Amino acid sequence: MNGLVTDIHVHLQPWRFLKPAARASLAHHRPDAEFIASLINDPGRAIEWMDRAGLDRIGVVNYVSPDIMGFPPETNDWASGYCARDRRRLIGFGSVHPRYARDVRAEALRLLDDLGLAAFKIHPPHQGFRANAYRDDLPALAELYAVAAERRVPVMIHTGTSIFPGARSRLGDPMDADDVAVDFPELVLLLAHAGRPLWCDEAFFVARRHPNVYLDLSGIPPSRLLSCVPRLEEIAAKCLFGSDWPGPGVPTIEGNIQAFRALPISDRAKEQILWGTAAAVFPGAT
């Protein structure tokens, strides 16, 4: 194995925007909160930490969620400035909330052309709409998907539950992404958390069915990964390693990498998941 690791799902976010309840939930049982804050405040220090942790690249995952988490649209500008330190190693994710943006298409293009972000994030449980809500009461959501498809920009969709106060976990069903993949066949989708813990089979189905749908394995303890995705080796080329650090239940990324490397799957599959799939999905960042 070549030793390179891409963690596609790291939450380095502007904590100053967090609602008190969300902040308390995020910081619960985190003795390293001061260290996390130091990385949030200094992308250069974050890159030094990445070097020590064996990380070549990370996905810096941010999204707009004023109602549940507290993150306003300015979070996109923060993410852009943060990732400007090294856009190859810091893969910037941002979002457009279709209930609040006046012109979703224009804002999506601003995130790409002016802010230089590399991907979009949709978080149904934290944004209050289904991933396929454009088929019902939120037609503006289709404009975001259309821009992403035209530009070949990946869209990460949170699938699975959320424990943050106010989150609507029922909106995390990955079968909603099946509609998105049907309606936007050129769109690259990353199903964050592979539907864990309730919908892993559904996420697996959607990823296998559609050539441009991938599983982001973050938020699943490596010790449980083969229980959640038993045919992991079979779909290694459709899977990206992720930690969800510093989310609840993820003490360190280093620990997750070590535990993942110990899984009883081939070295070839491990390298594909730890680095190869991300290199294919984000070729401009390699």
Foldseek 3Di string as FASTA:
>chain_A
DPLEFEAAAAALFDLVQFDPQQVCQFCPPAPCPVVSVVCSVAVVVVVVVCVVLSYQAYEHDDEDFCPFTRRHQCRLLSQLVSCVVACLRYQYEYEDQQVPDPQRLVVLVCSCPVSVHQAYEAECQRNVAAQQCCVPDRVSSVSNQVNCLVVLGEYEYEAAADDGPRGDRVSRACVSVLVVCVVRVSHAYEHECCRPPPHNVVSVVSLVVHVRYAYENEPDQLVCSCVSVVCQLVVLLRAAYHHNPPGPPRNDVSVSLVSNVPDPDDPVSNCSHRPVNVCVSCVVSD
